[in-house]
PDB file of N, CA and C in Angstrom:
ATOM      1  N   MET A   1      22.743  93.239  74.217  1.00  0.00           N
ATOM      2  CA  MET A   1      23.763  93.515  75.272  1.00  0.00           C
ATOM      3  C   MET A   1      24.283  92.210  75.470  1.00  0.00           C
ATOM      4  N   ASP A   2      25.711  92.430  75.421  1.00  0.00           N
ATOM      5  CA  ASP A   2      26.740  91.087  75.661  1.00  0.00           C
ATOM      6  C   ASP A   2      26.252  90.516  77.069  1.00  0.00           C
ATOM      7  N   GLY A   3      26.041  89.331  77.142  1.00  0.00           N
ATOM      8  CA  GLY A   3      25.679  88.427  78.445  1.00  0.00           C
ATOM      9  C   GLY A   3      26.629  88.663  79.424  1.00  0.00           C
ATOM     10  N   HIS A   4      28.277  88.552  79.143  1.00  0.00           N
ATOM     11  CA  HIS A   4      29.126  88.785  80.101  1.00  0.00           C
ATOM     12  C   HIS A   4      29.158  90.294  80.787  1.00  0.00           C
ATOM     13  N   ARG A   5      28.998  91.458  80.087  1.00  0.00           N
ATOM     14  CA  ARG A   5      28.619  92.660  80.263  1.00  0.00           C
ATOM     15  C   ARG A   5      27.576  92.745  81.335  1.00  0.00           C
ATOM     16  N   LEU A   6      26.339  92.257  80.880  1.00  0.00           N
ATOM     17  CA  LEU A   6      25.022  92.090  81.690  1.00  0.00           C
ATOM     18  C   LEU A   6      25.145  91.698  83.097  1.00  0.00           C
ATOM     19  N   SER A   7      25.640  90.356  83.046  1.00  0.00           N
ATOM     20  CA  SER A   7      25.891  89.737  84.443  1.00  0.00           C
ATOM     21  C   SER A   7      26.835  90.391  85.185  1.00  0.00           C
ATOM     22  N   ARG A   8      27.949  91.029  84.618  1.00  0.00           N
ATOM     23  CA  ARG A   8      29.092  91.696  85.604  1.00  0.00           C
ATOM     24  C   ARG A   8      28.193  92.852  86.027  1.00  0.00           C
ATOM     25  N   GLY A   9      27.654  93.621  85.304  1.00  0.00           N
ATOM     26  CA  GLY A   9      26.933  94.988  85.614  1.00  0.00           C
ATOM     27  C   GLY A   9      25.989  94.687  86.613  1.00  0.00           C
ATOM     28  N   LEU A  10      25.083  93.820  86.474  1.00  0.00           N
ATOM     29  CA  LEU A  10      24.293  93.348  87.564  1.00  0.00           C
ATOM     30  C   LEU A  10      24.937  92.884  88.733  1.00  0.00           C
ATOM     31  N   GLY A  11      25.848  92.184  88.601  1.00  0.00           N
ATOM     32  CA  GLY A  11      26.596  91.619  89.985  1.00  0.00           C
ATOM     33  C   GLY A  11      27.253  92.866  90.651  1.00  0.00           C
ATOM     34  N   LEU A  12      27.917  93.709  89.875  1.00  0.00           N
ATOM     35  CA  LEU A  12      28.555  95.029  90.464  1.00  0.00           C
ATOM     36  C   LEU A  12      27.477  95.754  91.014  1.00  0.00           C
ATOM     37  N   PHE A  13      26.172  96.020  90.613  1.00  0.00           N
ATOM     38  CA  PHE A  13      25.139  96.715  90.979  1.00  0.00           C
ATOM     39  C   PHE A  13      24.691  96.089  92.329  1.00  0.00           C
ATOM     40  N   SER A  14      24.402  94.929  92.318  1.00  0.00           N
ATOM     41  CA  SER A  14      24.025  94.042  93.662  1.00  0.00           C
ATOM     42  C   SER A  14      24.936  94.022  94.523  1.00  0.00           C
ATOM     43  N   ILE A  15      26.259  94.152  94.399  1.00  0.00           N
ATOM     44  CA  ILE A  15      27.348  94.330  95.466  1.00  0.00           C
ATOM     45  C   ILE A  15      27.150  95.633  95.969  1.00  0.00           C
ATOM     46  N   GLY A  16      27.331  96.565  95.174  1.00  0.00           N
ATOM     47  CA  GLY A  16      27.069  98.019  95.600  1.00  0.00           C
ATOM     48  C   GLY A  16      25.721  98.536  96.498  1.00  0.00           C
ATOM     49  N   LEU A  17      24.731  97.767  95.948  1.00  0.00           N
ATOM     50  CA  LEU A  17      23.372  98.193  96.764  1.00  0.00           C
ATOM     51  C   LEU A  17      23.457  97.319  97.979  1.00  0.00           C
ATOM     52  N   GLY A  18      23.934  96.054  98.100  1.00  0.00           N
ATOM     53  CA  GLY A  18      24.098  95.449  99.388  1.00  0.00           C
ATOM     54  C   GLY A  18      24.981  96.091 100.333  1.00  0.00           C
ATOM     55  N   ALA A  19      26.175  96.671  99.784  1.00  0.00           N
ATOM     56  CA  ALA A  19      27.054  97.158 100.804  1.00  0.00           C
ATOM     57  C   ALA A  19      26.524  98.714 101.226  1.00  0.00           C
ATOM     58  N   ALA A  20      25.823  99.112 100.512  1.00  0.00           N
ATOM     59  CA  ALA A  20      24.741 100.372 101.101  1.00  0.00           C
ATOM     60  C   ALA A  20      23.874  99.919 101.967  1.00  0.00           C
ATOM     61  N   GLU A  21      23.200  99.052 101.922  1.00  0.00           N
ATOM     62  CA  GLU A  21      22.238  98.493 102.911  1.00  0.00           C
ATOM     63  C   GLU A  21      22.769  98.023 103.919  1.00  0.00           C
ATOM     64  N   LEU A  22      23.978  97.582 104.003  1.00  0.00           N
ATOM     65  CA  LEU A  22      24.700  96.960 105.076  1.00  0.00           C
ATOM     66  C   LEU A  22      25.194  98.222 105.937  1.00  0.00           C
ATOM     67  N   ALA A  23      25.774  99.137 105.363  1.00  0.00           N
ATOM     68  CA  ALA A  23      26.541 100.057 105.882  1.00  0.00           C
ATOM     69  C   ALA A  23      25.751 101.400 106.400  1.00  0.00           C
ATOM     70  N   VAL A  24      24.772 101.592 105.465  1.00  0.00           N
ATOM     71  CA  VAL A  24      23.822 102.778 105.905  1.00  0.00           C
ATOM     72  C   VAL A  24      22.541 102.512 105.717  1.00  0.00           C
ATOM     73  N   PRO A  25      21.871 101.692 106.406  1.00  0.00           N
ATOM     74  CA  PRO A  25      20.495 101.152 106.077  1.00  0.00           C
ATOM     75  C   PRO A  25      19.489 102.576 106.406  1.00  0.00           C
ATOM     76  N   ALA A  26      19.729 103.160 107.070  1.00  0.00           N
ATOM     77  CA  ALA A  26      18.522 104.546 107.339  1.00  0.00           C
ATOM     78  C   ALA A  26      18.775 105.284 106.168  1.00  0.00           C
ATOM     79  N   ARG A  27      19.853 105.570 105.493  1.00  0.00           N
ATOM     80  CA  ARG A  27      19.956 106.478 104.446  1.00  0.00           C
ATOM     81  C   ARG A  27      19.262 105.785 103.211  1.00  0.00           C
ATOM     82  N   VAL A  28      19.652 104.556 103.115  1.00  0.00           N
ATOM     83  CA  VAL A  28      18.866 103.852 102.104  1.00  0.00           C
ATOM     84  C   VAL A  28      17.293 103.831 102.089  1.00  0.00           C
ATOM     85  N   ALA A  29      16.910 103.556 103.328  1.00  0.00           N
ATOM     86  CA  ALA A  29      15.294 103.876 103.555  1.00  0.00           C
ATOM     87  C   ALA A  29      14.796 105.182 103.278  1.00  0.00           C
ATOM     88  N   ALA A  30      15.695 106.124 103.747  1.00  0.00           N
ATOM     89  CA  ALA A  30      15.175 107.534 103.567  1.00  0.00           C
ATOM     90  C   ALA A  30      15.258 107.853 102.007  1.00  0.00           C
ATOM     91  N   LEU A  31      16.492 107.358 101.308  1.00  0.00           N
ATOM     92  CA  LEU A  31      16.542 107.538  99.642  1.00  0.00           C
ATOM     93  C   LEU A  31      15.251 107.085  99.115  1.00  0.00           C
ATOM     94  N   VAL A  32      14.844 105.975  99.516  1.00  0.00           N
ATOM     95  CA  VAL A  32      13.408 105.488  98.889  1.00  0.00           C
ATOM     96  C   VAL A  32      12.412 105.756  99.289  1.00  0.00           C
ATOM     97  N   GLY A  33      12.381 106.852 100.338  1.00  0.00           N
ATOM     98  CA  GLY A  33      11.025 107.282 101.015  1.00  0.00           C
ATOM     99  C   GLY A  33      10.617 106.523 102.124  1.00  0.00           C
ATOM    100  N   ILE A  34      11.071 105.569 102.717  1.00  0.00           N
ATOM    101  CA  ILE A  34      10.553 104.782 103.705  1.00  0.00           C
ATOM    102  C   ILE A  34      10.642 105.512 105.026  1.00  0.00           C
ATOM    103  N   ALA A  35       9.592 106.070 105.576  1.00  0.00           N
ATOM    104  CA  ALA A  35       9.715 106.610 107.030  1.00  0.00           C
ATOM    105  C   ALA A  35      10.451 105.474 108.236  1.00  0.00           C
ATOM    106  N   PRO A  36      10.964 106.049 109.111  1.00  0.00           N
ATOM    107  CA  PRO A  36      11.791 105.341 110.123  1.00  0.00           C
ATOM    108  C   PRO A  36      10.693 104.351 110.757  1.00  0.00           C
ATOM    109  N   VAL A  37      10.885 102.987 110.539  1.00  0.00           N
ATOM    110  CA  VAL A  37       9.921 102.184 111.226  1.00  0.00           C
ATOM    111  C   VAL A  37      10.835 101.196 111.926  1.00  0.00           C
ATOM    112  N   ARG A  38      10.507 101.049 113.128  1.00  0.00           N
ATOM    113  CA  ARG A  38      10.972 100.119 114.172  1.00  0.00           C
ATOM    114  C   ARG A  38      11.396  98.912 113.632  1.00  0.00           C
ATOM    115  N   GLY A  39      12.545  98.252 113.539  1.00  0.00           N
ATOM    116  CA  GLY A  39      12.911  97.246 113.250  1.00  0.00           C
ATOM    117  C   GLY A  39      13.381  97.228 111.672  1.00  0.00           C
ATOM    118  N   ALA A  40      13.239  98.364 111.075  1.00  0.00           N
ATOM    119  CA  ALA A  40      13.753  98.349 109.495  1.00  0.00           C
ATOM    120  C   ALA A  40      15.168  98.105 109.257  1.00  0.00           C
ATOM    121  N   ARG A  41      16.126  98.573 110.239  1.00  0.00           N
ATOM    122  CA  ARG A  41      17.738  98.283 110.203  1.00  0.00           C
ATOM    123  C   ARG A  41      18.039  97.109 110.018  1.00  0.00           C
ATOM    124  N   PRO A  42      17.481  96.056 110.909  1.00  0.00           N
ATOM    125  CA  PRO A  42      18.200  94.831 110.426  1.00  0.00           C
ATOM    126  C   PRO A  42      17.484  93.927 109.280  1.00  0.00           C
ATOM    127  N   VAL A  43      16.229  94.572 108.898  1.00  0.00           N
ATOM    128  CA  VAL A  43      15.738  94.105 107.469  1.00  0.00           C
ATOM    129  C   VAL A  43      16.460  94.519 106.546  1.00  0.00           C
ATOM    130  N   LEU A  44      16.752  95.619 106.373  1.00  0.00           N
ATOM    131  CA  LEU A  44      17.728  96.021 105.371  1.00  0.00           C
ATOM    132  C   LEU A  44      19.252  95.757 105.295  1.00  0.00           C
ATOM    133  N   ARG A  45      19.613  95.342 106.545  1.00  0.00           N
ATOM    134  CA  ARG A  45      20.976  94.769 106.363  1.00  0.00           C
ATOM    135  C   ARG A  45      20.730  93.369 106.034  1.00  0.00           C
ATOM    136  N   ALA A  46      19.898  92.626 106.373  1.00  0.00           N
ATOM    137  CA  ALA A  46      19.518  91.311 105.654  1.00  0.00           C
ATOM    138  C   ALA A  46      19.447  91.346 104.212  1.00  0.00           C
ATOM    139  N   LEU A  47      18.641  92.414 103.506  1.00  0.00           N
ATOM    140  CA  LEU A  47      18.452  92.482 102.212  1.00  0.00           C
ATOM    141  C   LEU A  47      19.608  92.694 101.565  1.00  0.00           C
ATOM    142  N   GLY A  48      20.571  93.707 102.223  1.00  0.00           N
ATOM    143  CA  GLY A  48      21.915  93.769 101.767  1.00  0.00           C
ATOM    144  C   GLY A  48      22.670  92.748 101.889  1.00  0.00           C
ATOM    145  N   ALA A  49      22.855  91.756 102.771  1.00  0.00           N
ATOM    146  CA  ALA A  49      23.605  90.338 102.577  1.00  0.00           C
ATOM    147  C   ALA A  49      23.146  89.584 101.586  1.00  0.00           C
ATOM    148  N   ARG A  50      21.695  89.631 101.313  1.00  0.00           N
ATOM    149  CA  ARG A  50      21.195  88.825 100.106  1.00  0.00           C
ATOM    150  C   ARG A  50      21.611  89.520  98.890  1.00  0.00           C
ATOM    151  N   GLU A  51      21.783  90.912  98.755  1.00  0.00           N
ATOM    152  CA  GLU A  51      22.110  91.501  97.509  1.00  0.00           C
ATOM    153  C   GLU A  51      23.550  91.259  97.264  1.00  0.00           C
ATOM    154  N   ILE A  52      24.440  91.111  98.327  1.00  0.00           N
ATOM    155  CA  ILE A  52      26.026  90.627  98.016  1.00  0.00           C
ATOM    156  C   ILE A  52      26.140  89.272  97.574  1.00  0.00           C
ATOM    157  N   VAL A  53      25.335  88.327  98.026  1.00  0.00           N
ATOM    158  CA  VAL A  53      25.338  86.875  97.880  1.00  0.00           C
ATOM    159  C   VAL A  53      24.946  86.882  96.303  1.00  0.00           C
ATOM    160  N   SER A  54      23.716  87.617  95.898  1.00  0.00           N
ATOM    161  CA  SER A  54      23.389  87.460  94.557  1.00  0.00           C
ATOM    162  C   SER A  54      24.532  88.048  93.627  1.00  0.00           C
ATOM    163  N   GLY A  55      25.093  89.020  94.123  1.00  0.00           N
ATOM    164  CA  GLY A  55      26.047  89.758  93.121  1.00  0.00           C
ATOM    165  C   GLY A  55      27.278  88.742  92.968  1.00  0.00           C
ATOM    166  N   ALA A  56      27.625  88.391  94.164  1.00  0.00           N
ATOM    167  CA  ALA A  56      28.650  87.299  94.048  1.00  0.00           C
ATOM    168  C   ALA A  56      28.409  86.235  93.136  1.00  0.00           C
ATOM    169  N   GLY A  57      27.287  85.490  93.213  1.00  0.00           N
ATOM    170  CA  GLY A  57      26.813  84.498  92.248  1.00  0.00           C
ATOM    171  C   GLY A  57      26.857  84.865  90.953  1.00  0.00           C
ATOM    172  N   LEU A  58      26.488  86.374  90.573  1.00  0.00           N
ATOM    173  CA  LEU A  58      26.481  86.469  89.155  1.00  0.00           C
ATOM    174  C   LEU A  58      27.902  86.662  88.716  1.00  0.00           C
ATOM    175  N   LEU A  59      28.936  87.337  89.569  1.00  0.00           N
ATOM    176  CA  LEU A  59      30.272  87.436  88.944  1.00  0.00           C
ATOM    177  C   LEU A  59      30.783  86.178  89.000  1.00  0.00           C
ATOM    178  N   ALA A  60      30.497  85.136  89.810  1.00  0.00           N
ATOM    179  CA  ALA A  60      31.080  83.966  89.738  1.00  0.00           C
ATOM    180  C   ALA A  60      30.666  82.872  88.592  1.00  0.00           C
ATOM    181  N   GLY A  61      29.315  83.033  88.409  1.00  0.00           N
ATOM    182  CA  GLY A  61      28.698  82.325  87.358  1.00  0.00           C
ATOM    183  C   GLY A  61      28.696  82.739  86.225  1.00  0.00           C
ATOM    184  N   GLY A  62      28.925  84.079  85.840  1.00  0.00           N
ATOM    185  CA  GLY A  62      28.749  84.538  84.514  1.00  0.00           C
ATOM    186  C   GLY A  62      27.263  84.383  84.033  1.00  0.00           C
ATOM    187  N   PRO A  63      27.316  84.641  82.661  1.00  0.00           N
ATOM    188  CA  PRO A  63      26.041  84.771  81.756  1.00  0.00           C
ATOM    189  C   PRO A  63      25.554  83.321  81.554  1.00  0.00           C
ATOM    190  N   ARG A  64      26.238  82.550  81.596  1.00  0.00           N
ATOM    191  CA  ARG A  64      25.596  81.060  81.383  1.00  0.00           C
ATOM    192  C   ARG A  64      24.763  80.353  82.345  1.00  0.00           C
ATOM    193  N   ARG A  65      24.754  80.693  83.696  1.00  0.00           N
ATOM    194  CA  ARG A  65      24.293  80.187  84.713  1.00  0.00           C
ATOM    195  C   ARG A  65      22.822  80.993  85.124  1.00  0.00           C
ATOM    196  N   ALA A  66      21.701  80.467  84.868  1.00  0.00           N
ATOM    197  CA  ALA A  66      20.576  81.220  85.157  1.00  0.00           C
ATOM    198  C   ALA A  66      20.009  81.221  86.507  1.00  0.00           C
ATOM    199  N   LEU A  67      20.511  80.344  87.651  1.00  0.00           N
ATOM    200  CA  LEU A  67      20.117  80.389  88.757  1.00  0.00           C
ATOM    201  C   LEU A  67      20.510  81.570  89.611  1.00  0.00           C
ATOM    202  N   PRO A  68      21.713  82.227  89.387  1.00  0.00           N
ATOM    203  CA  PRO A  68      21.844  83.758  90.337  1.00  0.00           C
ATOM    204  C   PRO A  68      20.811  84.780  89.631  1.00  0.00           C
ATOM    205  N   PHE A  69      20.577  84.777  88.380  1.00  0.00           N
ATOM    206  CA  PHE A  69      19.582  85.659  87.830  1.00  0.00           C
ATOM    207  C   PHE A  69      18.117  85.502  88.389  1.00  0.00           C
ATOM    208  N   TRP A  70      17.750  84.080  88.597  1.00  0.00           N
ATOM    209  CA  TRP A  70      16.435  83.899  89.134  1.00  0.00           C
ATOM    210  C   TRP A  70      16.489  84.096  90.540  1.00  0.00           C
ATOM    211  N   MET A  71      17.580  84.070  91.294  1.00  0.00           N
ATOM    212  CA  MET A  71      17.746  84.567  92.779  1.00  0.00           C
ATOM    213  C   MET A  71      17.364  85.975  92.733  1.00  0.00           C
ATOM    214  N   ARG A  72      18.033  86.767  91.913  1.00  0.00           N
ATOM    215  CA  ARG A  72      17.596  88.214  91.927  1.00  0.00           C
ATOM    216  C   ARG A  72      16.341  88.587  91.565  1.00  0.00           C
ATOM    217  N   VAL A  73      15.429  87.884  90.714  1.00  0.00           N
ATOM    218  CA  VAL A  73      14.344  88.002  90.535  1.00  0.00           C
ATOM    219  C   VAL A  73      13.332  87.814  91.648  1.00  0.00           C
ATOM    220  N   ALA A  74      13.692  86.742  92.270  1.00  0.00           N
ATOM    221  CA  ALA A  74      12.817  86.528  93.641  1.00  0.00           C
ATOM    222  C   ALA A  74      13.295  87.516  94.774  1.00  0.00           C
ATOM    223  N   GLY A  75      14.420  87.819  94.758  1.00  0.00           N
ATOM    224  CA  GLY A  75      14.697  89.108  95.548  1.00  0.00           C
ATOM    225  C   GLY A  75      14.096  90.576  95.228  1.00  0.00           C
ATOM    226  N   ASP A  76      13.879  90.443  93.984  1.00  0.00           N
ATOM    227  CA  ASP A  76      13.238  91.797  93.361  1.00  0.00           C
ATOM    228  C   ASP A  76      11.706  91.693  93.877  1.00  0.00           C
ATOM    229  N   ALA A  77      11.227  90.567  93.674  1.00  0.00           N
ATOM    230  CA  ALA A  77       9.704  90.498  94.424  1.00  0.00           C
ATOM    231  C   ALA A  77       9.594  90.752  95.617  1.00  0.00           C
ATOM    232  N   VAL A  78      10.450  90.111  96.625  1.00  0.00           N
ATOM    233  CA  VAL A  78      10.679  90.406  97.995  1.00  0.00           C
ATOM    234  C   VAL A  78      10.732  91.907  98.212  1.00  0.00           C
ATOM    235  N   ASP A  79      11.398  92.784  97.706  1.00  0.00           N
ATOM    236  CA  ASP A  79      11.766  94.022  97.614  1.00  0.00           C
ATOM    237  C   ASP A  79      10.400  94.738  97.417  1.00  0.00           C
ATOM    238  N   VAL A  80       9.951  94.501  96.297  1.00  0.00           N
ATOM    239  CA  VAL A  80       8.706  95.189  95.973  1.00  0.00           C
ATOM    240  C   VAL A  80       7.807  95.033  96.871  1.00  0.00           C
ATOM    241  N   GLY A  81       7.461  93.770  97.664  1.00  0.00           N
ATOM    242  CA  GLY A  81       6.422  93.665  98.596  1.00  0.00           C
ATOM    243  C   GLY A  81       6.694  94.262  99.931  1.00  0.00           C
ATOM    244  N   LEU A  82       8.055  94.151 100.311  1.00  0.00           N
ATOM    245  CA  LEU A  82       8.479  95.229 101.392  1.00  0.00           C
ATOM    246  C   LEU A  82       8.455  96.565 101.189  1.00  0.00           C
ATOM    247  N   LEU A  83       8.631  97.126  99.955  1.00  0.00           N
ATOM    248  CA  LEU A  83       8.471  98.450  99.989  1.00  0.00           C
ATOM    249  C   LEU A  83       6.950  98.803  99.908  1.00  0.00           C
ATOM    250  N   LEU A  84       5.944  98.200  99.166  1.00  0.00           N
ATOM    251  CA  LEU A  84       4.479  98.148  99.344  1.00  0.00           C
ATOM    252  C   LEU A  84       4.120  98.221 100.691  1.00  0.00           C
ATOM    253  N   TRP A  85       4.624  97.258 101.499  1.00  0.00           N
ATOM    254  CA  TRP A  85       4.062  97.203 102.762  1.00  0.00           C
ATOM    255  C   TRP A  85       4.651  98.575 103.789  1.00  0.00           C
ATOM    256  N   ALA A  86       5.729  98.857 103.439  1.00  0.00           N
ATOM    257  CA  ALA A  86       6.281  99.932 104.152  1.00  0.00           C
ATOM    258  C   ALA A  86       5.554 101.333 103.634  1.00  0.00           C
ATOM    259  N   ALA A  87       5.007 101.376 102.575  1.00  0.00           N
ATOM    260  CA  ALA A  87       4.319 102.770 102.060  1.00  0.00           C
ATOM    261  C   ALA A  87       3.250 102.931 102.808  1.00  0.00           C
ATOM    262  N   ARG A  88       2.536 101.953 103.587  1.00  0.00           N
ATOM    263  CA  ARG A  88       1.717 102.337 104.410  1.00  0.00           C
ATOM    264  C   ARG A  88       1.770 102.923 105.707  1.00  0.00           C
ATOM    265  N   ALA A  89       3.095 103.153 106.039  1.00  0.00           N
ATOM    266  CA  ALA A  89       3.276 104.222 107.159  1.00  0.00           C
ATOM    267  C   ALA A  89       2.957 105.552 106.783  1.00  0.00           C
ATOM    268  N   PRO A  90       2.564 106.252 107.871  1.00  0.00           N
ATOM    269  CA  PRO A  90       1.949 107.690 107.818  1.00  0.00           C
ATOM    270  C   PRO A  90       3.136 108.447 107.199  1.00  0.00           C
ATOM    271  N   ARG A  91       4.415 108.570 107.652  1.00  0.00           N
ATOM    272  CA  ARG A  91       5.364 109.537 107.132  1.00  0.00           C
ATOM    273  C   ARG A  91       6.039 108.979 106.003  1.00  0.00           C
ATOM    274  N   THR A  92       5.767 107.922 105.292  1.00  0.00           N
ATOM    275  CA  THR A  92       6.525 107.296 104.115  1.00  0.00           C
ATOM    276  C   THR A  92       6.185 108.431 102.755  1.00  0.00           C
ATOM    277  N   ARG A  93       7.223 108.650 102.092  1.00  0.00           N
ATOM    278  CA  ARG A  93       7.183 109.451 100.839  1.00  0.00           C
ATOM    279  C   ARG A  93       6.597 108.681  99.813  1.00  0.00           C
ATOM    280  N   ARG A  94       5.421 108.648  99.637  1.00  0.00           N
ATOM    281  CA  ARG A  94       4.985 107.568  98.699  1.00  0.00           C
ATOM    282  C   ARG A  94       5.530 107.975  97.246  1.00  0.00           C
ATOM    283  N   ALA A  95       5.733 109.227  96.781  1.00  0.00           N
ATOM    284  CA  ALA A  95       6.218 109.270  95.435  1.00  0.00           C
ATOM    285  C   ALA A  95       7.708 108.682  95.246  1.00  0.00           C
ATOM    286  N   ARG A  96       8.424 108.792  96.418  1.00  0.00           N
ATOM    287  CA  ARG A  96       9.625 107.961  96.276  1.00  0.00           C
ATOM    288  C   ARG A  96       9.606 106.483  96.301  1.00  0.00           C
ATOM    289  N   VAL A  97       8.669 106.021  97.067  1.00  0.00           N
ATOM    290  CA  VAL A  97       8.484 104.630  96.966  1.00  0.00           C
ATOM    291  C   VAL A  97       8.054 103.903  95.600  1.00  0.00           C
ATOM    292  N   ILE A  98       6.980 104.930  95.042  1.00  0.00           N
ATOM    293  CA  ILE A  98       6.609 104.389  93.717  1.00  0.00           C
ATOM    294  C   ILE A  98       7.952 104.464  92.875  1.00  0.00           C
ATOM    295  N   ALA A  99       8.669 105.617  92.958  1.00  0.00           N
ATOM    296  CA  ALA A  99       9.750 105.650  91.878  1.00  0.00           C
ATOM    297  C   ALA A  99      10.725 104.392  92.238  1.00  0.00           C
ATOM    298  N   ALA A 100      11.029 104.044  93.359  1.00  0.00           N
ATOM    299  CA  ALA A 100      11.914 102.761  93.651  1.00  0.00           C
ATOM    300  C   ALA A 100      11.153 101.342  93.238  1.00  0.00           C
ATOM    301  N   VAL A 101       9.946 101.571  93.206  1.00  0.00           N
ATOM    302  CA  VAL A 101       8.980 100.215  92.806  1.00  0.00           C
ATOM    303  C   VAL A 101       9.540 100.182  91.236  1.00  0.00           C
ATOM    304  N   ALA A 102       9.160 101.245  90.724  1.00  0.00           N
ATOM    305  CA  ALA A 102       9.318 101.372  89.028  1.00  0.00           C
ATOM    306  C   ALA A 102      10.701 100.854  88.759  1.00  0.00           C
ATOM    307  N   ALA A 103      11.753 101.522  89.489  1.00  0.00           N
ATOM    308  CA  ALA A 103      13.244 101.256  89.208  1.00  0.00           C
ATOM    309  C   ALA A 103      13.467  99.827  89.543  1.00  0.00           C
ATOM    310  N   LEU A 104      12.638  99.297  90.521  1.00  0.00           N
ATOM    311  CA  LEU A 104      12.743  97.658  90.718  1.00  0.00           C
ATOM    312  C   LEU A 104      12.387  96.827  89.690  1.00  0.00           C
ATOM    313  N   ALA A 105      11.115  97.310  89.096  1.00  0.00           N
ATOM    314  CA  ALA A 105      10.457  96.792  87.856  1.00  0.00           C
ATOM    315  C   ALA A 105      11.392  96.662  86.841  1.00  0.00           C
ATOM    316  N   GLY A 106      12.226  97.786  86.342  1.00  0.00           N
ATOM    317  CA  GLY A 106      13.103  97.846  85.286  1.00  0.00           C
ATOM    318  C   GLY A 106      14.344  96.731  85.729  1.00  0.00           C
ATOM    319  N   ILE A 107      14.837  96.778  86.945  1.00  0.00           N
ATOM    320  CA  ILE A 107      15.833  95.819  87.144  1.00  0.00           C
ATOM    321  C   ILE A 107      15.399  94.260  87.232  1.00  0.00           C
ATOM    322  N   ALA A 108      14.284  94.146  87.626  1.00  0.00           N
ATOM    323  CA  ALA A 108      13.634  92.815  87.518  1.00  0.00           C
ATOM    324  C   ALA A 108      13.354  92.405  86.019  1.00  0.00           C
ATOM    325  N   ALA A 109      13.158  93.410  85.181  1.00  0.00           N
ATOM    326  CA  ALA A 109      12.869  92.895  83.667  1.00  0.00           C
ATOM    327  C   ALA A 109      14.255  92.640  83.050  1.00  0.00           C
ATOM    328  N   LEU A 110      15.139  93.237  83.482  1.00  0.00           N
ATOM    329  CA  LEU A 110      16.724  93.131  83.027  1.00  0.00           C
ATOM    330  C   LEU A 110      17.264  91.402  83.652  1.00  0.00           C
ATOM    331  N   ASP A 111      17.054  91.226  84.919  1.00  0.00           N
ATOM    332  CA  ASP A 111      17.063  89.925  85.573  1.00  0.00           C
ATOM    333  C   ASP A 111      16.393  88.845  84.871  1.00  0.00           C
ATOM    334  N   ILE A 112      15.047  89.084  84.393  1.00  0.00           N
ATOM    335  CA  ILE A 112      14.306  88.084  83.658  1.00  0.00           C
ATOM    336  C   ILE A 112      14.874  87.832  82.383  1.00  0.00           C
ATOM    337  N   TYR A 113      15.340  88.801  81.665  1.00  0.00           N
ATOM    338  CA  TYR A 113      15.781  88.703  80.223  1.00  0.00           C
ATOM    339  C   TYR A 113      17.054  88.032  80.526  1.00  0.00           C
ATOM    340  N   ALA A 114      17.874  88.469  81.590  1.00  0.00           N
ATOM    341  CA  ALA A 114      19.253  87.518  81.551  1.00  0.00           C
ATOM    342  C   ALA A 114      19.078  86.066  82.173  1.00  0.00           C
ATOM    343  N   ALA A 115      18.025  85.814  82.792  1.00  0.00           N
ATOM    344  CA  ALA A 115      18.093  84.460  83.025  1.00  0.00           C
ATOM    345  C   ALA A 115      17.544  83.506  82.082  1.00  0.00           C
ATOM    346  N   ARG A 116      16.458  84.343  81.232  1.00  0.00           N
ATOM    347  CA  ARG A 116      15.924  83.636  80.249  1.00  0.00           C
ATOM    348  C   ARG A 116      16.991  83.509  79.113  1.00  0.00           C
ATOM    349  N   ARG A 117      17.929  84.090  79.033  1.00  0.00           N
ATOM    350  CA  ARG A 117      18.974  84.169  78.169  1.00  0.00           C
ATOM    351  C   ARG A 117      20.024  83.120  78.546  1.00  0.00           C
ATOM    352  N   ALA A 118      20.246  82.936  79.745  1.00  0.00           N
ATOM    353  CA  ALA A 118      21.240  82.033  80.290  1.00  0.00           C
ATOM    354  C   ALA A 118      20.473  80.476  80.168  1.00  0.00           C
ATOM    355  N   ALA A 119      19.321  80.317  80.114  1.00  0.00           N
ATOM    356  CA  ALA A 119      18.795  79.172  80.477  1.00  0.00           C
ATOM    357  C   ALA A 119      18.847  78.266  79.197  1.00  0.00           C
ATOM    358  N   PRO A 120      19.365  76.836  79.341  1.00  0.00           N
ATOM    359  CA  PRO A 120      19.554  76.013  78.374  1.00  0.00           C
ATOM    360  C   PRO A 120      18.614  75.808  77.381  1.00  0.00           C
TER     361      PRO A 120
END
């Protein structure tokens, strides 16, 4: 895949996901199967802001700068950890959480691929 298309696609995806986490955090949580947890909305909004910053970094830096990709990899690891932590709640829909973790693993693989490709 062309590096410019990959960085642009990941950047736009990041901005879109971040906007959703900022605007409708409860719906995003429900979509990935997280039960309503006290204090989850501010956390999701913070994750949304991080996604937007990461996406902007990818769009600004293009495929030649590895740092924005590695920032996304770190964010993916945080997201997986938070999802697994949230999965312990009694009303969590574990099948959806597992699907979200699997999707994150795929995205993280793309991020790692792009970061290694961009590294000098």
